[in-house]
């Protein structure tokens, strides 16, 4: 029971916890501080607000082109993976995944694709947002979400493959045995039909 509880916690952390914790912490720290400043200048910390602006001017503003390129690459990767999943063959390795894990991969891809599209779109409209705080806040939030979704997708995909494909050699061996059995049945059926045809010709 302890092992199961431990694995459940790890699974939650990888699937939801990482994104929820980081994004919530970011929102509480910067948006919460901004709300306090709006209510009363003495409540919030101006240093936190200035840190966000400085980080935006240092990290994002001079690298918007690079960020957009990275997000576009993610979009291409996700679309490629979706295309591969959409053209699965029954004897492919990915087809050996369980239905729940396959749906999980598709869900993670969808979230990652949407977050990457959001970063690309926002990078074009960020310059017209007049409020400095919201321009920096949402840009950082979208980038954090995009990176965390890609990290989650990679980690979960690796874990799913390691667990679901642990019996890959056994599954392949069974597939080969079934294929050989089917070939033998078809060969016997063909001989039977040939014999019947030859007998019909003799009698006819």
C-alpha atoms as a PDB file:
ATOM      1  CA  UNK A   1       0.000   0.000   0.000  1.00  0.00           C
ATOM      2  CA  UNK A   2       2.830   2.399   0.820  1.00  0.00           C
ATOM      3  CA  UNK A   3       4.453   1.765  -2.541  1.00  0.00           C
ATOM      4  CA  UNK A   4       1.188   2.396  -4.334  1.00  0.00           C
ATOM      5  CA  UNK A   5       0.612   5.639  -2.455  1.00  0.00           C
ATOM      6  CA  UNK A   6       4.155   6.737  -3.225  1.00  0.00           C
ATOM      7  CA  UNK A   7       3.780   6.036  -6.937  1.00  0.00           C
ATOM      8  CA  UNK A   8       0.421   7.829  -6.970  1.00  0.00           C
ATOM      9  CA  UNK A   9       2.051  10.928  -5.503  1.00  0.00           C
ATOM     10  CA  UNK A  10       4.892  10.784  -8.036  1.00  0.00           C
ATOM     11  CA  UNK A  11       2.379  10.337 -10.861  1.00  0.00           C
ATOM     12  CA  UNK A  12       0.352  13.340  -9.694  1.00  0.00           C
ATOM     13  CA  UNK A  13       3.526  15.418  -9.408  1.00  0.00           C
ATOM     14  CA  UNK A  14       4.622  14.573 -12.954  1.00  0.00           C
ATOM     15  CA  UNK A  15       1.193  14.918 -14.553  1.00  0.00           C
ATOM     16  CA  UNK A  16      -0.318  17.889 -12.709  1.00  0.00           C
ATOM     17  CA  UNK A  17       1.708  18.948  -9.698  1.00  0.00           C
ATOM     18  CA  UNK A  18       4.706  20.497 -11.440  1.00  0.00           C
ATOM     19  CA  UNK A  19       2.628  22.791 -13.636  1.00  0.00           C
ATOM     20  CA  UNK A  20       0.097  23.594 -10.912  1.00  0.00           C
ATOM     21  CA  UNK A  21       2.748  24.389  -8.291  1.00  0.00           C
ATOM     22  CA  UNK A  22       4.982  26.555 -10.487  1.00  0.00           C
ATOM     23  CA  UNK A  23       2.189  28.469 -12.212  1.00  0.00           C
ATOM     24  CA  UNK A  24       0.274  29.014  -8.964  1.00  0.00           C
ATOM     25  CA  UNK A  25       3.402  30.224  -7.189  1.00  0.00           C
ATOM     26  CA  UNK A  26       4.117  32.644 -10.034  1.00  0.00           C
ATOM     27  CA  UNK A  27       0.547  33.992 -10.032  1.00  0.00           C
ATOM     28  CA  UNK A  28       0.419  34.368  -6.239  1.00  0.00           C
ATOM     29  CA  UNK A  29       3.794  36.078  -6.066  1.00  0.00           C
ATOM     30  CA  UNK A  30       3.463  38.631  -8.841  1.00  0.00           C
ATOM     31  CA  UNK A  31      -0.269  39.068  -9.430  1.00  0.00           C
ATOM     32  CA  UNK A  32      -1.014  38.929  -5.710  1.00  0.00           C
ATOM     33  CA  UNK A  33       1.643  41.524  -5.058  1.00  0.00           C
ATOM     34  CA  UNK A  34       0.250  43.738  -7.809  1.00  0.00           C
ATOM     35  CA  UNK A  35      -3.245  43.525  -6.339  1.00  0.00           C
ATOM     36  CA  UNK A  36      -1.889  44.551  -2.947  1.00  0.00           C
ATOM     37  CA  UNK A  37      -0.096  47.527  -4.515  1.00  0.00           C
ATOM     38  CA  UNK A  38      -3.297  48.509  -6.300  1.00  0.00           C
ATOM     39  CA  UNK A  39      -5.217  48.386  -3.023  1.00  0.00           C
ATOM     40  CA  UNK A  40      -2.583  50.308  -1.118  1.00  0.00           C
ATOM     41  CA  UNK A  41       0.996  51.172  -2.048  1.00  0.00           C
ATOM     42  CA  UNK A  42       2.117  50.229   1.437  1.00  0.00           C
ATOM     43  CA  UNK A  43       0.781  46.676   1.178  1.00  0.00           C
ATOM     44  CA  UNK A  44       2.713  45.319  -1.814  1.00  0.00           C
ATOM     45  CA  UNK A  45       6.436  45.191  -2.531  1.00  0.00           C
ATOM     46  CA  UNK A  46       7.632  47.467  -5.298  1.00  0.00           C
ATOM     47  CA  UNK A  47      10.855  45.467  -5.473  1.00  0.00           C
ATOM     48  CA  UNK A  48       8.918  42.394  -6.641  1.00  0.00           C
ATOM     49  CA  UNK A  49       7.222  44.410  -9.362  1.00  0.00           C
ATOM     50  CA  UNK A  50      10.505  45.939 -10.469  1.00  0.00           C
ATOM     51  CA  UNK A  51      12.103  42.495 -10.537  1.00  0.00           C
ATOM     52  CA  UNK A  52       9.440  41.331 -13.014  1.00  0.00           C
ATOM     53  CA  UNK A  53      10.044  44.340 -15.248  1.00  0.00           C
ATOM     54  CA  UNK A  54      13.817  43.934 -15.150  1.00  0.00           C
ATOM     55  CA  UNK A  55      13.543  40.229 -15.884  1.00  0.00           C
ATOM     56  CA  UNK A  56      11.283  40.981 -18.856  1.00  0.00           C
ATOM     57  CA  UNK A  57      13.665  43.612 -20.230  1.00  0.00           C
ATOM     58  CA  UNK A  58      16.645  41.291 -19.759  1.00  0.00           C
ATOM     59  CA  UNK A  59      15.269  37.884 -20.732  1.00  0.00           C
ATOM     60  CA  UNK A  60      12.254  38.327 -22.986  1.00  0.00           C
ATOM     61  CA  UNK A  61      12.422  41.687 -24.758  1.00  0.00           C
ATOM     62  CA  UNK A  62      15.760  41.068 -26.518  1.00  0.00           C
ATOM     63  CA  UNK A  63      14.948  37.413 -27.255  1.00  0.00           C
ATOM     64  CA  UNK A  64      11.368  37.529 -28.521  1.00  0.00           C
ATOM     65  CA  UNK A  65      12.471  36.168 -31.905  1.00  0.00           C
ATOM     66  CA  UNK A  66      14.259  33.238 -30.278  1.00  0.00           C
ATOM     67  CA  UNK A  67      11.310  32.518 -27.997  1.00  0.00           C
ATOM     68  CA  UNK A  68       8.933  32.540 -30.952  1.00  0.00           C
ATOM     69  CA  UNK A  69      11.248  30.177 -32.847  1.00  0.00           C
ATOM     70  CA  UNK A  70      11.379  27.756 -29.899  1.00  0.00           C
ATOM     71  CA  UNK A  71       7.594  27.824 -29.568  1.00  0.00           C
ATOM     72  CA  UNK A  72       7.232  27.213 -33.323  1.00  0.00           C
ATOM     73  CA  UNK A  73       9.589  24.230 -33.076  1.00  0.00           C
ATOM     74  CA  UNK A  74       7.437  22.815 -30.282  1.00  0.00           C
ATOM     75  CA  UNK A  75       4.356  23.284 -32.460  1.00  0.00           C
ATOM     76  CA  UNK A  76       6.039  21.356 -35.264  1.00  0.00           C
ATOM     77  CA  UNK A  77       7.092  18.551 -32.916  1.00  0.00           C
ATOM     78  CA  UNK A  78       3.624  18.175 -31.426  1.00  0.00           C
ATOM     79  CA  UNK A  79       1.935  18.180 -34.842  1.00  0.00           C
ATOM     80  CA  UNK A  80       4.420  15.577 -36.092  1.00  0.00           C
ATOM     81  CA  UNK A  81       3.759  13.317 -33.106  1.00  0.00           C
ATOM     82  CA  UNK A  82      -0.001  13.700 -33.575  1.00  0.00           C
ATOM     83  CA  UNK A  83       0.407  12.769 -37.247  1.00  0.00           C
ATOM     84  CA  UNK A  84       2.373   9.675 -36.266  1.00  0.00           C
ATOM     85  CA  UNK A  85      -0.268   8.681 -33.735  1.00  0.00           C
ATOM     86  CA  UNK A  86      -2.965   9.213 -36.329  1.00  0.00           C
ATOM     87  CA  UNK A  87      -1.325   6.785 -38.748  1.00  0.00           C
ATOM     88  CA  UNK A  88      -0.555   3.968 -36.330  1.00  0.00           C
ATOM     89  CA  UNK A  89      -0.322   0.446 -37.633  1.00  0.00           C
ATOM     90  CA  UNK A  90      -1.501  -2.488 -35.592  1.00  0.00           C
ATOM     91  CA  UNK A  91       2.004  -3.930 -35.391  1.00  0.00           C
ATOM     92  CA  UNK A  92       3.776  -0.683 -34.507  1.00  0.00           C
ATOM     93  CA  UNK A  93       5.501  -0.156 -31.169  1.00  0.00           C
ATOM     94  CA  UNK A  94       3.221   2.722 -30.127  1.00  0.00           C
ATOM     95  CA  UNK A  95       0.169   0.550 -30.787  1.00  0.00           C
ATOM     96  CA  UNK A  96       1.323  -1.655 -27.912  1.00  0.00           C
ATOM     97  CA  UNK A  97       0.561   1.127 -25.425  1.00  0.00           C
ATOM     98  CA  UNK A  98      -2.521   0.775 -23.273  1.00  0.00           C
ATOM     99  CA  UNK A  99      -5.577   2.869 -24.167  1.00  0.00           C
ATOM    100  CA  UNK A 100      -5.288   4.969 -21.009  1.00  0.00           C
ATOM    101  CA  UNK A 101      -1.641   5.810 -21.653  1.00  0.00           C
ATOM    102  CA  UNK A 102      -2.295   6.543 -25.324  1.00  0.00           C
ATOM    103  CA  UNK A 103      -5.100   8.954 -24.351  1.00  0.00           C
ATOM    104  CA  UNK A 104      -2.794  10.505 -21.775  1.00  0.00           C
ATOM    105  CA  UNK A 105      -0.123  11.141 -24.414  1.00  0.00           C
ATOM    106  CA  UNK A 106      -2.683  12.738 -26.737  1.00  0.00           C
ATOM    107  CA  UNK A 107      -3.923  14.970 -23.893  1.00  0.00           C
ATOM    108  CA  UNK A 108      -0.394  16.102 -23.054  1.00  0.00           C
ATOM    109  CA  UNK A 109       0.306  16.802 -26.730  1.00  0.00           C
ATOM    110  CA  UNK A 110      -2.882  18.868 -27.007  1.00  0.00           C
ATOM    111  CA  UNK A 111      -1.989  21.003 -23.980  1.00  0.00           C
ATOM    112  CA  UNK A 112       1.569  21.445 -25.191  1.00  0.00           C
ATOM    113  CA  UNK A 113       0.403  22.384 -28.677  1.00  0.00           C
ATOM    114  CA  UNK A 114      -2.044  24.975 -27.352  1.00  0.00           C
ATOM    115  CA  UNK A 115       0.546  26.503 -25.016  1.00  0.00           C
ATOM    116  CA  UNK A 116       3.096  26.778 -27.827  1.00  0.00           C
ATOM    117  CA  UNK A 117       0.522  28.371 -30.131  1.00  0.00           C
ATOM    118  CA  UNK A 118      -0.352  30.796 -27.334  1.00  0.00           C
ATOM    119  CA  UNK A 119       3.284  31.887 -26.953  1.00  0.00           C
ATOM    120  CA  UNK A 120       3.661  32.403 -30.700  1.00  0.00           C
ATOM    121  CA  UNK A 121       0.428  34.422 -30.882  1.00  0.00           C
ATOM    122  CA  UNK A 122       1.163  36.440 -27.748  1.00  0.00           C
ATOM    123  CA  UNK A 123       4.649  37.358 -28.954  1.00  0.00           C
ATOM    124  CA  UNK A 124       3.017  39.270 -31.818  1.00  0.00           C
ATOM    125  CA  UNK A 125       0.453  41.155 -29.739  1.00  0.00           C
ATOM    126  CA  UNK A 126       2.528  41.775 -26.597  1.00  0.00           C
ATOM    127  CA  UNK A 127       3.980  44.980 -28.008  1.00  0.00           C
ATOM    128  CA  UNK A 128       0.536  46.575 -28.275  1.00  0.00           C
ATOM    129  CA  UNK A 129      -0.416  45.864 -24.654  1.00  0.00           C
ATOM    130  CA  UNK A 130      -0.094  49.241 -22.903  1.00  0.00           C
ATOM    131  CA  UNK A 131       0.138  47.957 -19.337  1.00  0.00           C
ATOM    132  CA  UNK A 132       3.731  47.017 -18.562  1.00  0.00           C
ATOM    133  CA  UNK A 133       2.841  44.646 -15.758  1.00  0.00           C
ATOM    134  CA  UNK A 134       0.313  42.576 -17.714  1.00  0.00           C
ATOM    135  CA  UNK A 135       2.582  42.471 -20.760  1.00  0.00           C
ATOM    136  CA  UNK A 136       5.434  40.995 -18.703  1.00  0.00           C
ATOM    137  CA  UNK A 137       3.248  38.866 -16.418  1.00  0.00           C
ATOM    138  CA  UNK A 138       1.372  36.990 -19.128  1.00  0.00           C
ATOM    139  CA  UNK A 139       4.470  36.522 -21.267  1.00  0.00           C
ATOM    140  CA  UNK A 140       6.351  34.860 -18.415  1.00  0.00           C
ATOM    141  CA  UNK A 141       3.311  32.807 -17.413  1.00  0.00           C
ATOM    142  CA  UNK A 142       2.793  31.474 -20.952  1.00  0.00           C
ATOM    143  CA  UNK A 143       6.486  30.647 -21.369  1.00  0.00           C
ATOM    144  CA  UNK A 144       6.596  28.852 -18.024  1.00  0.00           C
ATOM    145  CA  UNK A 145       3.498  26.845 -18.947  1.00  0.00           C
ATOM    146  CA  UNK A 146       4.892  25.978 -22.385  1.00  0.00           C
ATOM    147  CA  UNK A 147       8.210  24.757 -20.982  1.00  0.00           C
ATOM    148  CA  UNK A 148       6.564  22.781 -18.187  1.00  0.00           C
ATOM    149  CA  UNK A 149       4.099  21.079 -20.548  1.00  0.00           C
ATOM    150  CA  UNK A 150       6.943  20.047 -22.848  1.00  0.00           C
ATOM    151  CA  UNK A 151       8.913  18.765 -19.852  1.00  0.00           C
ATOM    152  CA  UNK A 152       5.859  16.845 -18.610  1.00  0.00           C
ATOM    153  CA  UNK A 153       5.279  15.347 -22.040  1.00  0.00           C
ATOM    154  CA  UNK A 154       8.865  14.151 -22.345  1.00  0.00           C
ATOM    155  CA  UNK A 155       9.056  12.681 -18.851  1.00  0.00           C
ATOM    156  CA  UNK A 156       5.686  10.941 -19.014  1.00  0.00           C
ATOM    157  CA  UNK A 157       6.371   9.583 -22.484  1.00  0.00           C
ATOM    158  CA  UNK A 158       9.635   8.096 -21.252  1.00  0.00           C
ATOM    159  CA  UNK A 159       7.953   6.536 -18.213  1.00  0.00           C
ATOM    160  CA  UNK A 160       5.035   5.183 -20.248  1.00  0.00           C
ATOM    161  CA  UNK A 161       7.398   3.579 -22.734  1.00  0.00           C
ATOM    162  CA  UNK A 162       9.546   2.100 -19.975  1.00  0.00           C
ATOM    163  CA  UNK A 163       6.521   0.484 -18.277  1.00  0.00           C
ATOM    164  CA  UNK A 164       4.244  -0.416 -21.184  1.00  0.00           C
ATOM    165  CA  UNK A 165       7.026  -1.606 -23.452  1.00  0.00           C
ATOM    166  CA  UNK A 166       8.810  -3.621 -20.797  1.00  0.00           C
ATOM    167  CA  UNK A 167       7.255  -6.739 -22.346  1.00  0.00           C
ATOM    168  CA  UNK A 168       8.034  -5.661 -25.893  1.00  0.00           C
ATOM    169  CA  UNK A 169      10.145  -8.732 -26.722  1.00  0.00           C
ATOM    170  CA  UNK A 170       7.429 -11.025 -25.394  1.00  0.00           C
ATOM    171  CA  UNK A 171       4.740  -9.212 -27.397  1.00  0.00           C
ATOM    172  CA  UNK A 172       6.826  -9.398 -30.571  1.00  0.00           C
ATOM    173  CA  UNK A 173       7.449 -13.115 -29.997  1.00  0.00           C
ATOM    174  CA  UNK A 174       3.714 -13.693 -29.592  1.00  0.00           C
ATOM    175  CA  UNK A 175       3.000 -11.697 -32.736  1.00  0.00           C
ATOM    176  CA  UNK A 176       5.488 -13.804 -34.710  1.00  0.00           C
ATOM    177  CA  UNK A 177       4.000 -17.028 -33.322  1.00  0.00           C
ATOM    178  CA  UNK A 178       0.489 -15.920 -34.299  1.00  0.00           C
ATOM    179  CA  UNK A 179       1.687 -14.903 -37.756  1.00  0.00           C
ATOM    180  CA  UNK A 180       3.341 -18.300 -38.302  1.00  0.00           C
ATOM    181  CA  UNK A 181       0.208 -20.057 -37.067  1.00  0.00           C
ATOM    182  CA  UNK A 182      -1.941 -18.073 -39.481  1.00  0.00           C
ATOM    183  CA  UNK A 183       0.427 -18.893 -42.335  1.00  0.00           C
ATOM    184  CA  UNK A 184       0.197 -22.608 -41.540  1.00  0.00           C
ATOM    185  CA  UNK A 185      -3.606 -22.438 -41.424  1.00  0.00           C
ATOM    186  CA  UNK A 186      -3.720 -20.603 -44.751  1.00  0.00           C
ATOM    187  CA  UNK A 187      -1.321 -23.136 -46.305  1.00  0.00           C
ATOM    188  CA  UNK A 188      -3.462 -26.047 -45.114  1.00  0.00           C
ATOM    189  CA  UNK A 189      -6.588 -24.323 -46.371  1.00  0.00           C
ATOM    190  CA  UNK A 190      -4.982 -23.736 -49.737  1.00  0.00           C
ATOM    191  CA  UNK A 191      -3.941 -27.403 -50.016  1.00  0.00           C
ATOM    192  CA  UNK A 192      -7.436 -28.481 -49.056  1.00  0.00           C
ATOM    193  CA  UNK A 193      -9.005 -26.247 -51.691  1.00  0.00           C
ATOM    194  CA  UNK A 194      -6.539 -27.470 -54.329  1.00  0.00           C
ATOM    195  CA  UNK A 195      -7.326 -31.085 -53.454  1.00  0.00           C
ATOM    196  CA  UNK A 196     -11.053 -30.419 -53.698  1.00  0.00           C
ATOM    197  CA  UNK A 197     -10.595 -28.698 -57.029  1.00  0.00           C
ATOM    198  CA  UNK A 198      -8.504 -31.589 -58.365  1.00  0.00           C
ATOM    199  CA  UNK A 199     -11.111 -34.092 -57.185  1.00  0.00           C
ATOM    200  CA  UNK A 200     -13.872 -32.101 -58.857  1.00  0.00           C
ATOM    201  CA  UNK A 201     -11.948 -32.077 -62.131  1.00  0.00           C
ATOM    202  CA  UNK A 202     -11.404 -35.848 -61.987  1.00  0.00           C
ATOM    203  CA  UNK A 203     -15.085 -36.496 -61.398  1.00  0.00           C
ATOM    204  CA  UNK A 204     -16.185 -33.963 -63.940  1.00  0.00           C
END
